[in-house]
Protein backbone atom coordinates (compact mmCIF):
# COMPACT_ATOMS: atom_id res chain seq x y z
CA MET A 1 26.27 75.68 375.73
CA ARG A 2 23.99 72.92 374.34
CA ILE A 3 22.27 73.48 370.89
CA GLY A 4 20.19 71.12 369.30
CA VAL A 5 19.69 70.06 365.68
CA LEU A 6 15.67 68.97 365.01
CA ALA A 7 16.26 65.35 364.03
CA LEU A 8 13.27 64.58 362.10
CA GLN A 9 14.72 65.16 358.07
CA GLY A 10 17.71 66.77 356.55
CA ASP A 11 21.12 68.15 357.29
CA VAL A 12 21.07 66.88 360.88
CA ARG A 13 24.77 65.44 361.03
CA GLU A 14 26.39 68.63 358.83
CA HIS A 15 24.81 70.90 361.13
CA VAL A 16 26.06 68.79 364.67
CA ALA A 17 29.11 68.82 362.92
CA ALA A 18 29.64 72.64 362.40
CA LEU A 19 28.38 73.29 365.95
CA ALA A 20 30.62 71.35 367.86
CA ALA A 21 33.57 72.65 365.62
CA CYS A 22 32.75 75.96 367.02
CA GLY A 23 32.72 74.98 370.49
CA ALA A 24 29.04 73.86 371.19
CA GLU A 25 27.61 70.54 373.18
CA ALA A 26 25.54 69.57 369.51
CA VAL A 27 22.63 67.24 370.04
CA PRO A 28 19.73 65.54 367.78
CA VAL A 29 16.40 66.83 368.95
CA ARG A 30 13.33 64.15 368.23
CA ARG A 31 11.47 64.53 371.59
CA GLU A 32 10.05 67.05 373.73
CA SER A 33 12.51 66.06 376.71
CA GLU A 34 15.45 66.76 374.28
CA LEU A 35 14.17 70.08 373.32
CA ASP A 36 13.76 71.21 376.66
CA ALA A 37 17.53 70.23 377.44
CA VAL A 38 18.97 72.90 375.08
CA ASP A 39 19.90 76.50 374.67
CA GLY A 40 19.32 76.96 371.22
CA LEU A 41 17.70 75.00 368.08
CA VAL A 42 19.08 74.77 364.26
CA ILE A 43 16.14 73.41 361.94
CA PRO A 44 18.29 72.22 359.23
CA GLY A 45 17.59 71.99 355.49
CA GLY A 46 15.03 69.22 353.88
CA GLU A 47 11.92 69.38 352.70
CA SER A 48 9.51 71.86 354.48
CA THR A 49 6.19 70.30 354.14
CA ALA A 50 7.60 66.69 355.44
CA MET A 51 9.57 68.60 358.35
CA SER A 52 6.15 70.44 359.24
CA ARG A 53 4.10 66.69 358.85
CA LEU A 54 6.96 65.04 361.24
CA LEU A 55 6.80 67.53 363.68
CA GLY A 56 3.20 66.47 364.30
CA VAL A 57 4.10 62.85 364.45
CA PHE A 58 6.96 63.56 366.83
CA GLU A 59 4.29 65.29 369.03
CA LEU A 60 6.84 68.59 368.97
CA TYR A 61 4.92 71.02 367.38
CA ASP A 62 3.43 72.38 370.01
CA PRO A 63 6.21 72.56 372.29
CA LEU A 64 8.68 74.09 369.85
CA VAL A 65 5.68 76.82 369.53
CA LYS A 66 5.83 77.34 372.97
CA ARG A 67 9.69 77.48 373.28
CA LEU A 68 10.39 80.23 370.30
CA ARG A 69 7.43 82.38 372.05
CA ASP A 70 9.17 82.20 375.17
CA GLY A 71 12.59 82.78 373.79
CA LEU A 72 14.57 80.22 372.75
CA PRO A 73 17.11 80.95 370.07
CA ALA A 74 17.14 79.34 366.93
CA TYR A 75 18.53 79.45 363.09
CA GLY A 76 16.63 77.85 359.94
CA SER A 77 18.67 77.15 356.97
CA CYS A 78 16.60 76.76 354.06
CA ALA A 79 13.65 74.30 354.60
CA GLY A 80 14.32 75.77 358.20
CA MET A 81 14.05 79.23 356.97
CA ILE A 82 10.46 78.42 355.75
CA MET A 83 9.44 76.98 358.93
CA LEU A 84 10.39 79.75 360.66
CA ALA A 85 8.70 81.94 358.82
CA SER A 86 4.99 83.95 359.45
CA LYS A 87 3.88 83.58 355.81
CA ILE A 88 4.93 81.00 353.16
CA LEU A 89 4.05 81.12 349.47
CA ASP A 90 3.79 78.34 347.04
CA THR A 91 3.06 75.47 349.70
CA ARG A 92 0.68 73.10 350.42
CA PRO A 93 -2.36 74.06 352.27
CA ASP A 94 -1.93 71.55 354.85
CA ALA A 95 1.43 72.67 355.49
CA ARG A 96 1.89 74.03 359.04
CA HIS A 97 4.66 76.57 360.12
CA LEU A 98 6.59 78.35 363.37
CA ASP A 99 5.84 82.27 362.72
CA ALA A 100 8.50 82.85 364.66
CA LEU A 101 9.89 85.34 362.21
CA ASP A 102 8.20 88.17 360.57
CA VAL A 103 9.06 87.24 357.15
CA THR A 104 7.41 86.47 354.21
CA VAL A 105 9.26 83.35 352.66
CA ARG A 106 8.64 81.71 348.91
CA ARG A 107 9.22 78.30 348.92
CA ASN A 108 11.62 76.79 345.79
CA ALA A 109 11.84 80.28 344.87
CA PHE A 110 15.24 79.75 343.27
CA GLY A 111 14.13 77.11 341.51
CA ARG A 112 14.12 73.53 340.94
CA GLN A 113 17.06 71.18 341.57
CA VAL A 114 18.96 71.21 338.83
CA GLU A 115 18.74 75.12 338.98
CA SER A 116 21.01 74.87 342.12
CA PHE A 117 23.93 77.29 342.45
CA GLU A 118 27.05 79.05 344.67
CA THR A 119 27.82 82.78 345.38
CA ASP A 120 29.73 84.70 347.83
CA LEU A 121 27.89 86.54 349.81
CA SER A 122 28.39 89.89 352.19
CA PHE A 123 26.62 88.95 355.63
CA ALA A 124 26.17 91.61 358.27
CA GLY A 125 28.02 90.89 361.31
CA ILE A 126 30.18 88.61 359.56
CA THR A 127 32.16 90.01 356.73
CA ASP A 128 31.99 93.58 357.57
CA ARG A 129 34.64 92.38 360.21
CA PRO A 130 38.16 93.58 359.41
CA GLY A 131 39.90 91.34 357.05
CA GLU A 132 36.72 88.95 356.44
CA ARG A 133 36.36 87.21 353.50
CA PRO A 134 32.58 86.48 351.70
CA VAL A 135 30.41 83.80 353.25
CA ARG A 136 30.09 81.31 350.58
CA ALA A 137 26.93 80.16 349.95
CA VAL A 138 25.19 77.33 348.59
CA PHE A 139 21.64 77.51 347.21
CA ILE A 140 19.73 74.29 346.68
CA ARG A 141 15.99 74.35 345.69
CA ALA A 142 16.31 77.36 348.07
CA PRO A 143 13.53 79.85 349.36
CA TRP A 144 13.95 83.87 349.53
CA VAL A 145 12.73 86.24 351.76
CA GLU A 146 9.70 88.71 350.12
CA GLU A 147 8.88 90.91 352.29
CA THR A 148 10.15 91.76 355.67
CA GLY A 149 8.55 92.97 359.03
CA PRO A 150 10.16 96.00 360.96
CA GLY A 151 11.75 93.99 363.36
CA VAL A 152 13.46 92.12 360.81
CA GLN A 153 17.20 92.76 360.31
CA VAL A 154 18.20 91.83 356.64
CA LEU A 155 21.97 90.37 356.85
CA ALA A 156 22.65 89.33 353.22
CA THR A 157 21.44 89.83 349.92
CA VAL A 158 22.44 88.39 346.39
CA ASP A 159 24.26 90.96 344.52
CA ARG A 160 24.34 89.44 340.93
CA GLY A 161 22.49 87.41 338.57
CA PRO A 162 18.13 87.04 337.58
CA ALA A 163 18.25 87.07 342.21
CA ALA A 164 19.92 90.30 342.59
CA GLY A 165 18.71 92.20 345.52
CA ARG A 166 16.86 88.92 347.17
CA VAL A 167 16.94 88.67 350.67
CA VAL A 168 18.60 85.40 351.85
CA ALA A 169 19.58 86.06 355.27
CA VAL A 170 17.45 87.48 357.92
CA ARG A 171 17.42 87.97 362.00
CA GLN A 172 14.78 88.94 364.41
CA GLY A 173 15.69 88.77 368.04
CA ASN A 174 17.08 85.89 368.86
CA VAL A 175 15.93 83.69 365.44
CA LEU A 176 18.07 83.34 362.44
CA ALA A 177 17.65 82.37 359.42
CA THR A 178 19.28 81.85 355.70
CA SER A 179 17.90 80.72 352.70
CA PHE A 180 21.25 78.77 351.89
CA HIS A 181 23.23 75.94 353.29
CA PRO A 182 26.68 76.74 355.47
CA GLU A 183 26.92 73.12 356.60
CA VAL A 184 27.71 71.91 353.64
CA THR A 185 31.00 74.59 352.38
CA GLY A 186 33.30 73.79 355.88
CA ASP A 187 33.25 77.51 356.70
CA VAL A 188 31.73 77.55 360.20
CA ARG A 189 31.07 81.54 360.17
CA VAL A 190 27.45 81.51 360.42
CA HIS A 191 27.28 78.99 362.93
CA GLU A 192 29.90 80.63 365.11
CA PHE A 193 27.62 84.00 364.57
CA PHE A 194 24.54 81.84 365.91
CA VAL A 195 26.39 79.80 368.67
CA ASP A 196 27.79 83.77 369.84
CA MET A 197 23.41 84.98 369.67
CA VAL A 198 23.03 81.56 371.89
CA ALA A 199 25.74 82.49 374.26
CA THR A 200 24.12 86.27 374.33
CA ALA A 201 20.50 85.06 375.02
């Protein structure tokens, strides 16, 4: 099973390492031929407007939209969640997104870089299994989900603090997204969850 990591900008190396730790063949994706050769794709954290522009520079935007519409499993973390969303609040007017998740996302919802934080989360499909500990979530200039469509499953919400109740992990069919960065914690359970999704697909 080969899973790509969109390698235009952001936490590419960390996602490659996490996927490899889950037993997947993890490869960077910068070209259409590389996109054609993967069974699933991770869109990493980074800067969503830069990623949007670079998809055009590398002539990957249209091929990626097509593969997502054809059912390619995808996982987006932080900026990746923004890229996968159908509607984005507080972004640049020229920013493009992939319209693969029926959600409205607010960019930089948790605030500036200095307001980054960590917390423990319950995550449906992971922490509801016997003996599982909470998922440690790292939020860095992170988005949150303001609205979800009828086909979207909420997997995690923040349960304390000023952001209590905010949706930070969702799934719709073959598409998974988190506001946070599991690739930086050493806990690969979210990546295992996605690898299982790819295997099932």
